[in-house]
Amino acid sequence: DFTEASINYRQALKLNIAIVSQQQIAINYMNMGLNYLGADSVNKGLSYFLVSLIIADSLNMENEKLALMKNIGYTYARMGKNEEALSHFYKVLELLGERPDDLTRSDAQLNIAKGYYQMKNYPAALKYALLSFDLSRSRHFNNIYRDAAGLLSDIYAARGDYRQAYS
């Protein structure tokens, strides 16, 4: 229920502003962005994500910055702005560094592969789809594994390799 969620998020934001809870304010803006994104108000969702990112970055909220980079990348992908989307998904990998968060890593790799696929850069799409496929399979991230397998099939079909696409 977008309307009810929006009312509640605004009330939470108002309370967090009153008690000067900067971290919660950043999280409120991120959640408001997700709410708008879910209601297909992509531009409005993006604006909330960007405000949240400014706050999260100033407070060194690393986990929230990761989530925001992913959400911003996803938003740009929905807008058809693949270059911007890719830069944000690469930023997710950069922020992860050596952190042991393979779920986020495999998801970012899959999103990078999708971006390259949309741009018809099949070699790069294949590289990242295989990375995501292998990592998600080994760690049993079944939803990402399924999506990576589907994307691999699409990439191979686009390249005319129907045997591999079927496999």
Protein backbone atom coordinates (compact mmCIF):
# COMPACT_ATOMS: atom_id res chain seq x y z
CA ASP A 1 0.00 0.00 0.00
CA PHE A 2 2.04 2.90 -1.36
CA THR A 3 -0.10 5.62 0.23
CA GLU A 4 -0.07 4.15 3.72
CA ALA A 5 3.65 3.41 3.51
CA SER A 6 4.31 6.95 2.33
CA ILE A 7 2.42 8.41 5.28
CA ASN A 8 4.33 6.22 7.73
CA TYR A 9 7.72 7.00 6.18
CA ARG A 10 7.00 10.74 6.36
CA GLN A 11 6.00 10.43 10.02
CA ALA A 12 9.16 8.47 10.78
CA LEU A 13 11.25 11.06 8.97
CA LYS A 14 9.61 13.87 10.91
CA LEU A 15 10.33 12.10 14.23
CA ASN A 16 13.94 11.37 13.29
CA ILE A 17 14.49 14.99 12.26
CA ALA A 18 13.06 16.09 15.61
CA ILE A 19 15.48 13.88 17.57
CA VAL A 20 18.35 14.58 15.14
CA SER A 21 18.96 10.92 14.30
CA GLN A 22 21.08 11.38 11.16
CA GLN A 23 21.52 7.67 10.49
CA GLN A 24 17.80 7.00 10.71
CA ILE A 25 17.10 9.99 8.47
CA ALA A 26 19.34 8.45 5.79
CA ILE A 27 17.50 5.13 6.17
CA ASN A 28 14.13 6.90 6.00
CA TYR A 29 15.07 8.53 2.70
CA MET A 30 16.29 5.20 1.33
CA ASN A 31 13.02 3.50 2.30
CA MET A 32 11.01 6.34 0.78
CA GLY A 33 12.97 5.86 -2.43
CA LEU A 34 12.19 2.14 -2.43
CA ASN A 35 8.52 2.93 -1.87
CA TYR A 36 8.43 5.28 -4.87
CA LEU A 37 10.40 2.83 -6.99
CA GLY A 38 7.88 0.12 -6.13
CA ALA A 39 5.10 2.44 -7.28
CA ASP A 40 6.92 3.06 -10.59
CA SER A 41 7.80 6.66 -9.71
CA VAL A 42 11.37 6.00 -10.77
CA ASN A 43 12.57 9.62 -10.88
CA LYS A 44 11.12 10.40 -7.47
CA GLY A 45 12.65 7.22 -6.04
CA LEU A 46 16.03 8.18 -7.47
CA SER A 47 15.86 11.62 -5.86
CA TYR A 48 15.26 10.07 -2.44
CA PHE A 49 18.13 7.61 -2.96
CA LEU A 50 20.50 10.45 -3.83
CA VAL A 51 19.57 12.45 -0.73
CA SER A 52 20.04 9.33 1.38
CA LEU A 53 23.43 8.67 -0.24
CA ILE A 54 24.68 12.16 0.60
CA ILE A 55 23.78 11.63 4.26
CA ALA A 56 25.05 8.03 4.42
CA ASP A 57 28.33 9.02 2.78
CA SER A 58 28.88 11.90 5.21
CA LEU A 59 28.30 9.51 8.14
CA ASN A 60 30.42 6.67 6.69
CA MET A 61 27.43 4.28 6.71
CA GLU A 62 29.10 1.62 4.58
CA ASN A 63 26.26 -0.96 4.51
CA GLU A 64 23.72 1.68 3.57
CA LYS A 65 26.04 3.06 0.87
CA LEU A 66 26.26 -0.43 -0.62
CA ALA A 67 22.48 -0.80 -0.63
CA LEU A 68 22.04 2.67 -2.09
CA MET A 69 24.56 2.10 -4.88
CA LYS A 70 22.69 -1.07 -5.80
CA ASN A 71 19.32 0.70 -5.67
CA ILE A 72 20.58 3.67 -7.69
CA GLY A 73 22.09 1.31 -10.27
CA TYR A 74 18.83 -0.62 -10.48
CA THR A 75 16.90 2.64 -10.87
CA TYR A 76 19.14 3.82 -13.72
CA ALA A 77 18.76 0.40 -15.37
CA ARG A 78 14.97 0.76 -15.20
CA MET A 79 15.33 4.15 -16.85
CA GLY A 80 17.37 2.58 -19.65
CA LYS A 81 20.51 4.48 -18.60
CA ASN A 82 22.82 1.49 -18.72
CA GLU A 83 26.11 3.40 -18.49
CA GLU A 84 25.02 5.08 -15.25
CA ALA A 85 23.66 1.80 -13.93
CA LEU A 86 26.94 0.02 -14.66
CA SER A 87 28.98 2.68 -12.89
CA HIS A 88 26.90 2.22 -9.74
CA PHE A 89 27.10 -1.58 -9.85
CA TYR A 90 30.88 -1.33 -10.27
CA LYS A 91 30.89 0.99 -7.27
CA VAL A 92 29.16 -1.78 -5.28
CA LEU A 93 32.04 -4.12 -6.11
CA GLU A 94 34.54 -1.40 -5.24
CA LEU A 95 32.88 -0.71 -1.87
CA LEU A 96 32.77 -4.44 -1.12
CA GLY A 97 36.51 -4.79 -1.64
CA GLU A 98 37.56 -7.93 0.20
CA ARG A 99 34.52 -8.03 2.48
CA PRO A 100 33.07 -11.54 2.68
CA ASP A 101 29.67 -10.59 1.26
CA ASP A 102 29.32 -13.00 -1.63
CA LEU A 103 25.56 -12.47 -1.89
CA THR A 104 25.97 -8.78 -2.68
CA ARG A 105 28.99 -9.53 -4.89
CA SER A 106 27.17 -12.14 -7.01
CA ASP A 107 24.13 -9.85 -7.29
CA ALA A 108 26.31 -6.92 -8.44
CA GLN A 109 28.05 -9.18 -10.98
CA LEU A 110 24.67 -10.28 -12.31
CA ASN A 111 23.49 -6.67 -12.59
CA ILE A 112 26.68 -5.73 -14.44
CA ALA A 113 26.11 -8.64 -16.81
CA LYS A 114 22.53 -7.47 -17.43
CA GLY A 115 23.75 -3.97 -18.22
CA TYR A 116 26.28 -5.20 -20.74
CA TYR A 117 23.68 -7.53 -22.24
CA GLN A 118 21.30 -4.59 -22.74
CA MET A 119 24.13 -2.73 -24.46
CA LYS A 120 24.79 -5.79 -26.65
CA ASN A 121 28.34 -6.09 -25.29
CA TYR A 122 28.11 -9.87 -25.13
CA PRO A 123 31.74 -10.67 -24.20
CA ALA A 124 31.56 -8.45 -21.09
CA ALA A 125 28.05 -9.69 -20.30
CA LEU A 126 29.26 -13.28 -20.55
CA LYS A 127 32.25 -12.60 -18.28
CA TYR A 128 30.14 -11.15 -15.46
CA ALA A 129 27.26 -13.60 -15.91
CA LEU A 130 29.71 -16.50 -15.52
CA LEU A 131 31.25 -14.92 -12.42
CA SER A 132 27.80 -14.49 -10.88
CA PHE A 133 26.68 -17.96 -11.98
CA ASP A 134 29.71 -19.69 -10.46
CA LEU A 135 29.69 -17.73 -7.21
CA SER A 136 25.94 -18.02 -6.66
CA ARG A 137 26.00 -21.75 -7.46
CA SER A 138 28.83 -22.44 -5.02
CA ARG A 139 27.15 -20.43 -2.25
CA HIS A 140 23.61 -21.68 -2.97
CA PHE A 141 22.14 -18.25 -3.69
CA ASN A 142 19.38 -19.92 -5.67
CA ASN A 143 17.55 -16.84 -6.96
CA ILE A 144 20.72 -15.24 -8.29
CA TYR A 145 21.89 -18.61 -9.66
CA ARG A 146 18.57 -19.00 -11.51
CA ASP A 147 18.74 -15.48 -12.94
CA ALA A 148 22.39 -15.86 -13.96
CA ALA A 149 21.57 -19.14 -15.72
CA GLY A 150 18.72 -17.46 -17.60
CA LEU A 151 20.93 -14.56 -18.59
CA LEU A 152 23.68 -16.92 -19.76
CA SER A 153 21.13 -18.65 -21.96
CA ASP A 154 20.07 -15.30 -23.42
CA ILE A 155 23.67 -14.25 -24.03
CA TYR A 156 24.56 -17.50 -25.79
CA ALA A 157 21.40 -17.30 -27.92
CA ALA A 158 22.19 -13.70 -28.88
CA ARG A 159 25.62 -14.88 -30.00
CA GLY A 160 24.04 -17.66 -32.08
CA ASP A 161 25.38 -20.44 -29.83
CA TYR A 162 22.06 -22.24 -29.38
CA ARG A 163 23.60 -25.46 -28.09
CA GLN A 164 25.24 -23.59 -25.22
CA ALA A 165 22.08 -21.52 -24.70
CA TYR A 166 20.06 -24.70 -24.28
CA SER A 167 22.69 -26.21 -21.99
